[in-house]
Structure formats: structure tokens, C-alpha cells
PDB file of N, CA and C in Angstrom:
ATOM      1  N   UNK A   1       0.824  -1.184   0.000  1.00  0.00           N
ATOM      2  CA  UNK A   1       0.000   0.000   0.000  1.00  0.00           C
ATOM      3  C   UNK A   1       0.869   1.248   0.000  1.00  0.00           C
ATOM      4  N   UNK A   2       1.903   1.267   0.852  1.00  0.00           N
ATOM      5  CA  UNK A   2       2.818   2.397   0.901  1.00  0.00           C
ATOM      6  C   UNK A   2       4.190   1.934   0.437  1.00  0.00           C
ATOM      7  N   UNK A   3       4.943   2.824  -0.235  1.00  0.00           N
ATOM      8  CA  UNK A   3       6.297   2.438  -0.627  1.00  0.00           C
ATOM      9  C   UNK A   3       7.177   2.204   0.590  1.00  0.00           C
ATOM     10  N   UNK A   4       8.243   1.415   0.425  1.00  0.00           N
ATOM     11  CA  UNK A   4       9.097   1.016   1.539  1.00  0.00           C
ATOM     12  C   UNK A   4       9.944   2.111   2.138  1.00  0.00           C
ATOM     13  N   UNK A   5      10.382   3.106   1.371  1.00  0.00           N
ATOM     14  CA  UNK A   5      11.286   4.136   1.878  1.00  0.00           C
ATOM     15  C   UNK A   5      10.549   5.434   2.167  1.00  0.00           C
ATOM     16  N   UNK A   6       9.565   5.392   3.031  1.00  0.00           N
ATOM     17  CA  UNK A   6       8.794   6.586   3.355  1.00  0.00           C
ATOM     18  C   UNK A   6       9.293   7.149   4.680  1.00  0.00           C
ATOM     19  N   UNK A   7       9.503   8.426   4.691  1.00  0.00           N
ATOM     20  CA  UNK A   7       9.889   9.141   5.895  1.00  0.00           C
ATOM     21  C   UNK A   7       8.756   8.994   6.921  1.00  0.00           C
ATOM     22  N   UNK A   8       9.074   8.628   8.184  1.00  0.00           N
ATOM     23  CA  UNK A   8       8.018   8.463   9.191  1.00  0.00           C
ATOM     24  C   UNK A   8       7.148   9.703   9.370  1.00  0.00           C
ATOM     25  N   UNK A   9       7.753  10.881   9.238  1.00  0.00           N
ATOM     26  CA  UNK A   9       6.973  12.118   9.356  1.00  0.00           C
ATOM     27  C   UNK A   9       5.959  12.227   8.221  1.00  0.00           C
ATOM     28  N   UNK A  10       6.425  11.902   7.002  1.00  0.00           N
ATOM     29  CA  UNK A  10       5.526  11.946   5.841  1.00  0.00           C
ATOM     30  C   UNK A  10       4.437  10.884   5.964  1.00  0.00           C
ATOM     31  N   UNK A  11       4.803   9.719   6.498  1.00  0.00           N
ATOM     32  CA  UNK A  11       3.834   8.647   6.699  1.00  0.00           C
ATOM     33  C   UNK A  11       2.722   9.120   7.631  1.00  0.00           C
ATOM     34  N   UNK A  12       3.097   9.756   8.735  1.00  0.00           N
ATOM     35  CA  UNK A  12       2.086  10.277   9.678  1.00  0.00           C
ATOM     36  C   UNK A  12       1.198  11.296   9.001  1.00  0.00           C
ATOM     37  N   UNK A  13       1.801  12.171   8.194  1.00  0.00           N
ATOM     38  CA  UNK A  13       1.038  13.204   7.501  1.00  0.00           C
ATOM     39  C   UNK A  13       0.057  12.573   6.512  1.00  0.00           C
ATOM     40  N   UNK A  14       0.516  11.571   5.766  1.00  0.00           N
ATOM     41  CA  UNK A  14      -0.357  10.879   4.815  1.00  0.00           C
ATOM     42  C   UNK A  14      -1.513  10.196   5.540  1.00  0.00           C
ATOM     43  N   UNK A  15      -1.200   9.557   6.659  1.00  0.00           N
ATOM     44  CA  UNK A  15      -2.250   8.871   7.427  1.00  0.00           C
ATOM     45  C   UNK A  15      -3.270   9.874   7.955  1.00  0.00           C
ATOM     46  N   UNK A  16      -2.792  11.022   8.403  1.00  0.00           N
ATOM     47  CA  UNK A  16      -3.692  12.063   8.910  1.00  0.00           C
ATOM     48  C   UNK A  16      -4.599  12.565   7.789  1.00  0.00           C
ATOM     49  N   UNK A  17      -4.041  12.736   6.586  1.00  0.00           N
ATOM     50  CA  UNK A  17      -4.835  13.177   5.443  1.00  0.00           C
ATOM     51  C   UNK A  17      -5.907  12.153   5.083  1.00  0.00           C
ATOM     52  N   UNK A  18      -5.599  10.882   5.290  1.00  0.00           N
ATOM     53  CA  UNK A  18      -6.561   9.821   4.998  1.00  0.00           C
ATOM     54  C   UNK A  18      -7.576   9.641   6.130  1.00  0.00           C
ATOM     55  N   UNK A  19      -7.400  10.366   7.212  1.00  0.00           N
ATOM     56  CA  UNK A  19      -8.330  10.256   8.335  1.00  0.00           C
ATOM     57  C   UNK A  19      -8.018   9.110   9.275  1.00  0.00           C
ATOM     58  N   UNK A  20      -6.766   8.642   9.258  1.00  0.00           N
ATOM     59  CA  UNK A  20      -6.365   7.520  10.111  1.00  0.00           C
ATOM     60  C   UNK A  20      -5.664   8.045  11.362  1.00  0.00           C
ATOM     61  N   UNK A  21      -5.991   7.443  12.477  1.00  0.00           N
ATOM     62  CA  UNK A  21      -5.304   7.730  13.727  1.00  0.00           C
ATOM     63  C   UNK A  21      -4.881   6.397  14.329  1.00  0.00           C
ATOM     64  N   UNK A  22      -3.612   6.271  14.682  1.00  0.00           N
ATOM     65  CA  UNK A  22      -3.118   5.051  15.293  1.00  0.00           C
ATOM     66  C   UNK A  22      -2.554   5.410  16.652  1.00  0.00           C
ATOM     67  N   UNK A  23      -2.992   4.651  17.660  1.00  0.00           N
ATOM     68  CA  UNK A  23      -2.560   4.942  19.024  1.00  0.00           C
ATOM     69  C   UNK A  23      -2.309   3.630  19.769  1.00  0.00           C
ATOM     70  N   UNK A  24      -1.111   3.472  20.338  1.00  0.00           N
ATOM     71  CA  UNK A  24      -0.868   2.258  21.137  1.00  0.00           C
ATOM     72  C   UNK A  24      -1.619   2.346  22.469  1.00  0.00           C
ATOM     73  N   UNK A  25      -2.073   1.217  22.935  1.00  0.00           N
ATOM     74  CA  UNK A  25      -2.726   1.149  24.250  1.00  0.00           C
ATOM     75  C   UNK A  25      -1.673   0.644  25.224  1.00  0.00           C
ATOM     76  N   UNK A  26      -1.389   1.446  26.210  1.00  0.00           N
ATOM     77  CA  UNK A  26      -0.301   1.155  27.150  1.00  0.00           C
ATOM     78  C   UNK A  26      -0.764   0.267  28.300  1.00  0.00           C
ATOM     79  N   UNK A  27       0.191  -0.415  28.917  1.00  0.00           N
ATOM     80  CA  UNK A  27       0.001  -1.207  30.139  1.00  0.00           C
ATOM     81  C   UNK A  27      -1.086  -2.277  30.030  1.00  0.00           C
ATOM     82  N   UNK A  28      -1.165  -2.953  28.897  1.00  0.00           N
ATOM     83  CA  UNK A  28      -2.128  -4.047  28.729  1.00  0.00           C
ATOM     84  C   UNK A  28      -1.641  -5.233  29.552  1.00  0.00           C
ATOM     85  N   UNK A  29      -2.480  -5.720  30.459  1.00  0.00           N
ATOM     86  CA  UNK A  29      -2.102  -6.818  31.334  1.00  0.00           C
ATOM     87  C   UNK A  29      -2.596  -8.160  30.812  1.00  0.00           C
ATOM     88  N   UNK A  30      -3.800  -8.186  30.264  1.00  0.00           N
ATOM     89  CA  UNK A  30      -4.341  -9.453  29.764  1.00  0.00           C
ATOM     90  C   UNK A  30      -5.490  -9.170  28.807  1.00  0.00           C
ATOM     91  N   UNK A  31      -5.571  -9.997  27.763  1.00  0.00           N
ATOM     92  CA  UNK A  31      -6.679  -9.926  26.810  1.00  0.00           C
ATOM     93  C   UNK A  31      -7.272 -11.325  26.721  1.00  0.00           C
ATOM     94  N   UNK A  32      -8.604 -11.421  26.808  1.00  0.00           N
ATOM     95  CA  UNK A  32      -9.281 -12.712  26.730  1.00  0.00           C
ATOM     96  C   UNK A  32     -10.316 -12.640  25.614  1.00  0.00           C
ATOM     97  N   UNK A  33     -10.220 -13.584  24.682  1.00  0.00           N
ATOM     98  CA  UNK A  33     -11.211 -13.713  23.617  1.00  0.00           C
ATOM     99  C   UNK A  33     -11.948 -15.021  23.868  1.00  0.00           C
ATOM    100  N   UNK A  34     -13.249 -14.929  24.117  1.00  0.00           N
ATOM    101  CA  UNK A  34     -14.050 -16.095  24.454  1.00  0.00           C
ATOM    102  C   UNK A  34     -14.831 -16.571  23.230  1.00  0.00           C
ATOM    103  N   UNK A  35     -14.715 -17.862  22.924  1.00  0.00           N
ATOM    104  CA  UNK A  35     -15.472 -18.476  21.838  1.00  0.00           C
ATOM    105  C   UNK A  35     -16.255 -19.655  22.414  1.00  0.00           C
ATOM    106  N   UNK A  36     -17.057 -20.298  21.584  1.00  0.00           N
ATOM    107  CA  UNK A  36     -17.819 -21.453  22.070  1.00  0.00           C
ATOM    108  C   UNK A  36     -16.899 -22.631  22.393  1.00  0.00           C
ATOM    109  N   UNK A  37     -15.734 -22.697  21.762  1.00  0.00           N
ATOM    110  CA  UNK A  37     -14.785 -23.792  22.007  1.00  0.00           C
ATOM    111  C   UNK A  37     -13.900 -23.551  23.221  1.00  0.00           C
ATOM    112  N   UNK A  38     -13.691 -22.289  23.578  1.00  0.00           N
ATOM    113  CA  UNK A  38     -12.800 -21.997  24.693  1.00  0.00           C
ATOM    114  C   UNK A  38     -12.375 -20.544  24.704  1.00  0.00           C
ATOM    115  N   UNK A  39     -11.248 -20.286  25.381  1.00  0.00           N
ATOM    116  CA  UNK A  39     -10.772 -18.911  25.543  1.00  0.00           C
ATOM    117  C   UNK A  39      -9.333 -18.789  25.049  1.00  0.00           C
ATOM    118  N   UNK A  40      -9.077 -17.736  24.268  1.00  0.00           N
ATOM    119  CA  UNK A  40      -7.725 -17.372  23.865  1.00  0.00           C
ATOM    120  C   UNK A  40      -7.266 -16.302  24.841  1.00  0.00           C
ATOM    121  N   UNK A  41      -6.178 -16.571  25.553  1.00  0.00           N
ATOM    122  CA  UNK A  41      -5.716 -15.651  26.590  1.00  0.00           C
ATOM    123  C   UNK A  41      -4.332 -15.132  26.216  1.00  0.00           C
ATOM    124  N   UNK A  42      -4.237 -13.819  26.086  1.00  0.00           N
ATOM    125  CA  UNK A  42      -2.962 -13.150  25.844  1.00  0.00           C
ATOM    126  C   UNK A  42      -2.532 -12.558  27.181  1.00  0.00           C
ATOM    127  N   UNK A  43      -1.489 -13.117  27.800  1.00  0.00           N
ATOM    128  CA  UNK A  43      -1.035 -12.610  29.093  1.00  0.00           C
ATOM    129  C   UNK A  43      -0.240 -11.321  28.946  1.00  0.00           C
ATOM    130  N   UNK A  44       0.498 -11.190  27.882  1.00  0.00           N
ATOM    131  CA  UNK A  44       1.174  -9.926  27.601  1.00  0.00           C
ATOM    132  C   UNK A  44       1.103  -9.728  26.099  1.00  0.00           C
ATOM    133  N   UNK A  45       0.611  -8.578  25.691  1.00  0.00           N
ATOM    134  CA  UNK A  45       0.441  -8.316  24.268  1.00  0.00           C
ATOM    135  C   UNK A  45       0.584  -6.829  24.004  1.00  0.00           C
ATOM    136  N   UNK A  46       0.964  -6.525  22.788  1.00  0.00           N
ATOM    137  CA  UNK A  46       0.979  -5.144  22.337  1.00  0.00           C
ATOM    138  C   UNK A  46      -0.345  -4.908  21.623  1.00  0.00           C
ATOM    139  N   UNK A  47      -1.029  -3.846  22.006  1.00  0.00           N
ATOM    140  CA  UNK A  47      -2.328  -3.547  21.416  1.00  0.00           C
ATOM    141  C   UNK A  47      -2.279  -2.150  20.814  1.00  0.00           C
ATOM    142  N   UNK A  48      -2.766  -2.040  19.584  1.00  0.00           N
ATOM    143  CA  UNK A  48      -2.820  -0.772  18.885  1.00  0.00           C
ATOM    144  C   UNK A  48      -4.257  -0.535  18.445  1.00  0.00           C
ATOM    145  N   UNK A  49      -4.743   0.685  18.693  1.00  0.00           N
ATOM    146  CA  UNK A  49      -6.077   1.063  18.238  1.00  0.00           C
ATOM    147  C   UNK A  49      -5.925   1.944  17.013  1.00  0.00           C
ATOM    148  N   UNK A  50      -6.652   1.616  15.952  1.00  0.00           N
ATOM    149  CA  UNK A  50      -6.598   2.401  14.730  1.00  0.00           C
ATOM    150  C   UNK A  50      -8.009   2.876  14.406  1.00  0.00           C
ATOM    151  N   UNK A  51      -8.151   4.194  14.250  1.00  0.00           N
ATOM    152  CA  UNK A  51      -9.444   4.773  13.906  1.00  0.00           C
ATOM    153  C   UNK A  51      -9.361   5.255  12.467  1.00  0.00           C
ATOM    154  N   UNK A  52     -10.275   4.745  11.649  1.00  0.00           N
ATOM    155  CA  UNK A  52     -10.323   5.155  10.243  1.00  0.00           C
ATOM    156  C   UNK A  52     -11.774   5.273   9.827  1.00  0.00           C
ATOM    157  N   UNK A  53     -12.154   6.426   9.351  1.00  0.00           N
ATOM    158  CA  UNK A  53     -13.517   6.722   8.916  1.00  0.00           C
ATOM    159  C   UNK A  53     -14.534   6.397  10.001  1.00  0.00           C
ATOM    160  N   UNK A  54     -14.190   6.709  11.246  1.00  0.00           N
ATOM    161  CA  UNK A  54     -15.107   6.530  12.358  1.00  0.00           C
ATOM    162  C   UNK A  54     -15.193   5.122  12.914  1.00  0.00           C
ATOM    163  N   UNK A  55     -14.428   4.194  12.350  1.00  0.00           N
ATOM    164  CA  UNK A  55     -14.444   2.799  12.812  1.00  0.00           C
ATOM    165  C   UNK A  55     -13.127   2.522  13.529  1.00  0.00           C
ATOM    166  N   UNK A  56     -13.220   1.987  14.748  1.00  0.00           N
ATOM    167  CA  UNK A  56     -12.022   1.656  15.515  1.00  0.00           C
ATOM    168  C   UNK A  56     -11.714   0.176  15.356  1.00  0.00           C
ATOM    169  N   UNK A  57     -10.463  -0.118  14.997  1.00  0.00           N
ATOM    170  CA  UNK A  57      -9.983  -1.479  14.851  1.00  0.00           C
ATOM    171  C   UNK A  57      -8.839  -1.679  15.825  1.00  0.00           C
ATOM    172  N   UNK A  58      -8.817  -2.841  16.497  1.00  0.00           N
ATOM    173  CA  UNK A  58      -7.758  -3.143  17.452  1.00  0.00           C
ATOM    174  C   UNK A  58      -6.876  -4.238  16.883  1.00  0.00           C
ATOM    175  N   UNK A  59      -5.585  -4.025  16.972  1.00  0.00           N
ATOM    176  CA  UNK A  59      -4.624  -5.029  16.532  1.00  0.00           C
ATOM    177  C   UNK A  59      -3.905  -5.562  17.760  1.00  0.00           C
ATOM    178  N   UNK A  60      -3.906  -6.891  17.916  1.00  0.00           N
ATOM    179  CA  UNK A  60      -3.268  -7.548  19.058  1.00  0.00           C
ATOM    180  C   UNK A  60      -2.046  -8.291  18.543  1.00  0.00           C
ATOM    181  N   UNK A  61      -0.905  -8.012  19.143  1.00  0.00           N
ATOM    182  CA  UNK A  61       0.319  -8.717  18.770  1.00  0.00           C
ATOM    183  C   UNK A  61       0.848  -9.418  20.015  1.00  0.00           C
ATOM    184  N   UNK A  62       0.926 -10.727  19.957  1.00  0.00           N
ATOM    185  CA  UNK A  62       1.397 -11.509  21.092  1.00  0.00           C
ATOM    186  C   UNK A  62       1.093 -12.970  20.880  1.00  0.00           C
ATOM    187  N   UNK A  63       1.471 -13.789  21.836  1.00  0.00           N
ATOM    188  CA  UNK A  63       1.273 -15.236  21.735  1.00  0.00           C
ATOM    189  C   UNK A  63       0.172 -15.664  22.709  1.00  0.00           C
ATOM    190  N   UNK A  64      -0.973 -16.146  22.201  1.00  0.00           N
ATOM    191  CA  UNK A  64      -2.037 -16.577  23.107  1.00  0.00           C
ATOM    192  C   UNK A  64      -1.847 -18.017  23.569  1.00  0.00           C
ATOM    193  N   UNK A  65      -2.503 -18.322  24.678  1.00  0.00           N
ATOM    194  CA  UNK A  65      -2.646 -19.717  25.094  1.00  0.00           C
ATOM    195  C   UNK A  65      -4.140 -20.015  25.014  1.00  0.00           C
ATOM    196  N   UNK A  66      -4.464 -21.271  24.765  1.00  0.00           N
ATOM    197  CA  UNK A  66      -5.865 -21.640  24.581  1.00  0.00           C
ATOM    198  C   UNK A  66      -6.326 -22.515  25.728  1.00  0.00           C
ATOM    199  N   UNK A  67      -7.466 -22.185  26.312  1.00  0.00           N
ATOM    200  CA  UNK A  67      -8.088 -22.995  27.360  1.00  0.00           C
ATOM    201  C   UNK A  67      -9.441 -23.462  26.848  1.00  0.00           C
ATOM    202  N   UNK A  68      -9.593 -24.771  26.733  1.00  0.00           N
ATOM    203  CA  UNK A  68     -10.884 -25.316  26.294  1.00  0.00           C
ATOM    204  C   UNK A  68     -11.936 -25.061  27.354  1.00  0.00           C
ATOM    205  N   UNK A  69     -13.151 -24.780  26.902  1.00  0.00           N
ATOM    206  CA  UNK A  69     -14.233 -24.570  27.861  1.00  0.00           C
ATOM    207  C   UNK A  69     -14.877 -25.906  28.198  1.00  0.00           C
ATOM    208  N   UNK A  70     -15.263 -26.046  29.447  1.00  0.00           N
ATOM    209  CA  UNK A  70     -15.959 -27.258  29.872  1.00  0.00           C
ATOM    210  C   UNK A  70     -17.365 -27.216  29.278  1.00  0.00           C
ATOM    211  N   UNK A  71     -17.828 -28.324  28.738  1.00  0.00           N
ATOM    212  CA  UNK A  71     -19.169 -28.317  28.139  1.00  0.00           C
ATOM    213  C   UNK A  71     -20.242 -28.123  29.213  1.00  0.00           C
ATOM    214  N   UNK A  72     -21.336 -27.509  28.805  1.00  0.00           N
ATOM    215  CA  UNK A  72     -22.473 -27.320  29.702  1.00  0.00           C
ATOM    216  C   UNK A  72     -23.250 -28.633  29.719  1.00  0.00           C
ATOM    217  N   UNK A  73     -23.247 -29.293  30.869  1.00  0.00           N
ATOM    218  CA  UNK A  73     -23.857 -30.620  30.979  1.00  0.00           C
ATOM    219  C   UNK A  73     -25.225 -30.501  31.654  1.00  0.00           C
ATOM    220  N   UNK A  74     -26.306 -30.841  30.949  1.00  0.00           N
ATOM    221  CA  UNK A  74     -27.640 -30.804  31.550  1.00  0.00           C
ATOM    222  C   UNK A  74     -27.795 -31.871  32.644  1.00  0.00           C
ATOM    223  N   UNK A  75     -28.571 -31.563  33.666  1.00  0.00           N
ATOM    224  CA  UNK A  75     -28.806 -32.488  34.778  1.00  0.00           C
ATOM    225  C   UNK A  75     -29.447 -33.792  34.308  1.00  0.00           C
ATOM    226  N   UNK A  76     -30.313 -33.695  33.294  1.00  0.00           N
ATOM    227  CA  UNK A  76     -30.955 -34.910  32.767  1.00  0.00           C
ATOM    228  C   UNK A  76     -29.921 -35.887  32.223  1.00  0.00           C
ATOM    229  N   UNK A  77     -28.877 -35.347  31.564  1.00  0.00           N
ATOM    230  CA  UNK A  77     -27.820 -36.209  31.035  1.00  0.00           C
ATOM    231  C   UNK A  77     -27.043 -36.876  32.161  1.00  0.00           C
ATOM    232  N   UNK A  78     -26.780 -36.117  33.229  1.00  0.00           N
ATOM    233  CA  UNK A  78     -26.050 -36.666  34.380  1.00  0.00           C
ATOM    234  C   UNK A  78     -26.858 -37.795  35.006  1.00  0.00           C
ATOM    235  N   UNK A  79     -28.184 -37.576  35.169  1.00  0.00           N
ATOM    236  CA  UNK A  79     -29.051 -38.603  35.753  1.00  0.00           C
ATOM    237  C   UNK A  79     -29.070 -39.859  34.883  1.00  0.00           C
ATOM    238  N   UNK A  80     -29.151 -39.656  33.571  1.00  0.00           N
ATOM    239  CA  UNK A  80     -29.211 -40.803  32.667  1.00  0.00           C
ATOM    240  C   UNK A  80     -27.925 -41.631  32.753  1.00  0.00           C
ATOM    241  N   UNK A  81     -26.779 -40.977  32.737  1.00  0.00           N
ATOM    242  CA  UNK A  81     -25.505 -41.706  32.813  1.00  0.00           C
ATOM    243  C   UNK A  81     -25.400 -42.422  34.154  1.00  0.00           C
ATOM    244  N   UNK A  82     -25.811 -41.752  35.247  1.00  0.00           N
ATOM    245  CA  UNK A  82     -25.743 -42.365  36.578  1.00  0.00           C
ATOM    246  C   UNK A  82     -26.641 -43.600  36.652  1.00  0.00           C
ATOM    247  N   UNK A  83     -27.865 -43.482  36.128  1.00  0.00           N
ATOM    248  CA  UNK A  83     -28.801 -44.604  36.171  1.00  0.00           C
ATOM    249  C   UNK A  83     -28.344 -45.767  35.288  1.00  0.00           C
ATOM    250  N   UNK A  84     -27.897 -45.452  34.075  1.00  0.00           N
ATOM    251  CA  UNK A  84     -27.513 -46.497  33.128  1.00  0.00           C
ATOM    252  C   UNK A  84     -26.240 -47.235  33.538  1.00  0.00           C
ATOM    253  N   UNK A  85     -25.351 -46.538  34.215  1.00  0.00           N
ATOM    254  CA  UNK A  85     -24.067 -47.164  34.556  1.00  0.00           C
ATOM    255  C   UNK A  85     -23.973 -47.569  36.026  1.00  0.00           C
ATOM    256  N   UNK A  86     -24.942 -47.122  36.838  1.00  0.00           N
ATOM    257  CA  UNK A  86     -24.938 -47.486  38.249  1.00  0.00           C
ATOM    258  C   UNK A  86     -23.842 -46.802  39.064  1.00  0.00           C
ATOM    259  N   UNK A  87     -23.493 -45.573  38.698  1.00  0.00           N
ATOM    260  CA  UNK A  87     -22.469 -44.824  39.441  1.00  0.00           C
ATOM    261  C   UNK A  87     -23.122 -43.599  40.077  1.00  0.00           C
ATOM    262  N   UNK A  88     -22.466 -43.022  41.089  1.00  0.00           N
ATOM    263  CA  UNK A  88     -23.008 -41.802  41.700  1.00  0.00           C
ATOM    264  C   UNK A  88     -23.041 -40.643  40.693  1.00  0.00           C
ATOM    265  N   UNK A  89     -23.851 -39.632  41.006  1.00  0.00           N
ATOM    266  CA  UNK A  89     -24.039 -38.474  40.115  1.00  0.00           C
ATOM    267  C   UNK A  89     -22.723 -37.743  39.846  1.00  0.00           C
ATOM    268  N   UNK A  90     -21.876 -37.594  40.872  1.00  0.00           N
ATOM    269  CA  UNK A  90     -20.630 -36.847  40.662  1.00  0.00           C
ATOM    270  C   UNK A  90     -19.696 -37.565  39.685  1.00  0.00           C
ATOM    271  N   UNK A  91     -19.663 -38.900  39.749  1.00  0.00           N
ATOM    272  CA  UNK A  91     -18.847 -39.683  38.799  1.00  0.00           C
ATOM    273  C   UNK A  91     -19.423 -39.571  37.393  1.00  0.00           C
ATOM    274  N   UNK A  92     -20.767 -39.568  37.296  1.00  0.00           N
ATOM    275  CA  UNK A  92     -21.418 -39.446  35.997  1.00  0.00           C
ATOM    276  C   UNK A  92     -21.109 -38.075  35.385  1.00  0.00           C
ATOM    277  N   UNK A  93     -21.137 -37.016  36.207  1.00  0.00           N
ATOM    278  CA  UNK A  93     -20.833 -35.671  35.722  1.00  0.00           C
ATOM    279  C   UNK A  93     -19.381 -35.583  35.235  1.00  0.00           C
ATOM    280  N   UNK A  94     -18.456 -36.154  36.007  1.00  0.00           N
ATOM    281  CA  UNK A  94     -17.039 -36.158  35.617  1.00  0.00           C
ATOM    282  C   UNK A  94     -16.840 -36.874  34.284  1.00  0.00           C
ATOM    283  N   UNK A  95     -17.545 -38.005  34.114  1.00  0.00           N
ATOM    284  CA  UNK A  95     -17.426 -38.760  32.870  1.00  0.00           C
ATOM    285  C   UNK A  95     -17.970 -37.955  31.686  1.00  0.00           C
ATOM    286  N   UNK A  96     -19.071 -37.274  31.894  1.00  0.00           N
ATOM    287  CA  UNK A  96     -19.641 -36.464  30.820  1.00  0.00           C
ATOM    288  C   UNK A  96     -18.715 -35.310  30.447  1.00  0.00           C
ATOM    289  N   UNK A  97     -18.095 -34.688  31.425  1.00  0.00           N
ATOM    290  CA  UNK A  97     -17.152 -33.600  31.140  1.00  0.00           C
ATOM    291  C   UNK A  97     -15.949 -34.151  30.386  1.00  0.00           C
ATOM    292  N   UNK A  98     -15.429 -35.271  30.843  1.00  0.00           N
ATOM    293  CA  UNK A  98     -14.272 -35.897  30.198  1.00  0.00           C
ATOM    294  C   UNK A  98     -14.596 -36.301  28.755  1.00  0.00           C
ATOM    295  N   UNK A  99     -15.846 -36.741  28.528  1.00  0.00           N
ATOM    296  CA  UNK A  99     -16.267 -37.190  27.197  1.00  0.00           C
ATOM    297  C   UNK A  99     -16.939 -36.066  26.398  1.00  0.00           C
ATOM    298  N   UNK A 100     -16.817 -34.832  26.875  1.00  0.00           N
ATOM    299  CA  UNK A 100     -17.347 -33.638  26.189  1.00  0.00           C
ATOM    300  C   UNK A 100     -18.833 -33.733  25.903  1.00  0.00           C
ATOM    301  N   UNK A 101     -19.580 -34.282  26.880  1.00  0.00           N
ATOM    302  CA  UNK A 101     -21.032 -34.320  26.780  1.00  0.00           C
ATOM    303  C   UNK A 101     -21.600 -35.509  26.034  1.00  0.00           C
ATOM    304  N   UNK A 102     -20.765 -36.393  25.518  1.00  0.00           N
ATOM    305  CA  UNK A 102     -21.236 -37.569  24.773  1.00  0.00           C
ATOM    306  C   UNK A 102     -21.755 -38.604  25.774  1.00  0.00           C
ATOM    307  N   UNK A 103     -23.068 -38.791  25.815  1.00  0.00           N
ATOM    308  CA  UNK A 103     -23.713 -39.659  26.813  1.00  0.00           C
ATOM    309  C   UNK A 103     -23.262 -41.109  26.660  1.00  0.00           C
ATOM    310  N   UNK A 104     -23.310 -41.637  25.453  1.00  0.00           N
ATOM    311  CA  UNK A 104     -22.940 -43.048  25.227  1.00  0.00           C
ATOM    312  C   UNK A 104     -21.491 -43.297  25.622  1.00  0.00           C
ATOM    313  N   UNK A 105     -20.609 -42.417  25.229  1.00  0.00           N
ATOM    314  CA  UNK A 105     -19.192 -42.582  25.574  1.00  0.00           C
ATOM    315  C   UNK A 105     -18.983 -42.494  27.087  1.00  0.00           C
ATOM    316  N   UNK A 106     -19.721 -41.598  27.755  1.00  0.00           N
ATOM    317  CA  UNK A 106     -19.609 -41.459  29.204  1.00  0.00           C
ATOM    318  C   UNK A 106     -20.069 -42.730  29.902  1.00  0.00           C
ATOM    319  N   UNK A 107     -21.176 -43.319  29.457  1.00  0.00           N
ATOM    320  CA  UNK A 107     -21.678 -44.557  30.066  1.00  0.00           C
ATOM    321  C   UNK A 107     -20.654 -45.674  29.886  1.00  0.00           C
ATOM    322  N   UNK A 108     -20.106 -45.787  28.694  1.00  0.00           N
ATOM    323  CA  UNK A 108     -19.108 -46.820  28.434  1.00  0.00           C
ATOM    324  C   UNK A 108     -17.848 -46.613  29.300  1.00  0.00           C
ATOM    325  N   UNK A 109     -17.424 -45.359  29.437  1.00  0.00           N
ATOM    326  CA  UNK A 109     -16.180 -45.106  30.186  1.00  0.00           C
ATOM    327  C   UNK A 109     -16.324 -45.427  31.676  1.00  0.00           C
ATOM    328  N   UNK A 110     -17.470 -45.110  32.270  1.00  0.00           N
ATOM    329  CA  UNK A 110     -17.626 -45.411  33.703  1.00  0.00           C
ATOM    330  C   UNK A 110     -17.974 -46.870  33.924  1.00  0.00           C
ATOM    331  N   UNK A 111     -18.575 -47.513  32.942  1.00  0.00           N
ATOM    332  CA  UNK A 111     -18.896 -48.937  33.076  1.00  0.00           C
ATOM    333  C   UNK A 111     -17.645 -49.803  32.996  1.00  0.00           C
ATOM    334  N   UNK A 112     -16.629 -49.329  32.288  1.00  0.00           N
ATOM    335  CA  UNK A 112     -15.396 -50.096  32.117  1.00  0.00           C
ATOM    336  C   UNK A 112     -14.442 -49.949  33.303  1.00  0.00           C
ATOM    337  N   UNK A 113     -14.728 -49.038  34.190  1.00  0.00           N
ATOM    338  CA  UNK A 113     -13.811 -48.817  35.339  1.00  0.00           C
ATOM    339  C   UNK A 113     -14.024 -49.823  36.427  1.00  0.00           C
TER     340      UNK A 113
END
């Protein structure tokens, strides 16, 4: 978009003429992006806010770590696994979490123990 040998002062002037404002966000401690699969956590990252034509865009530079989210397990599923496999409710819940909510797999896993 821009030639490689541009004077930084001229670059700022060109960006200002285009209506762009770029500003670093200081002292960022943590950024968390939550999705249905889990959370992307940036413990230390460089964040830049860019405003262009009234729209603000954030750029995150850093290395995230990913934490999978535990599936939401309905009580009916826990009861079914407990009844079908003959184990206590807490063991049935643990099996369902371990099997990511798959009822058949949870019953098989606790029955084999």
C-alpha cells in the first residue's frame, strides 16, 4: 500500500490526510477472547487502536494460550448416565465432562472402570 522508503513524518502526515489515527494502548495486562470452544488468553500483548472513517480497529500482537471450555452438561444427562451405569451423580458428571457431553461414551467409560 505504501512504498518502503517513506519518511516516518511523511507517513504520519499521509495517514492524517486519509483520516487515520493510530494509538498504542499502554500497560495491557491481559486480553481474553471467548469463543464457544474456549478462551484465547494473551497474558502480555501489544495492542494498537486504529481509527479510520469513524471505525475503531484493534490489533493484538502476542502469543495466546488456549483454554478449552468445559461443556455445559444438563442435569438430565447426568441422571441418565448415573442410572444407566450405576455410578453416583458426581462420577457421571465427571465422565460427561471428560467425554465432552457424549452420553454413550460417558456410560461406556464409567462402566469399564
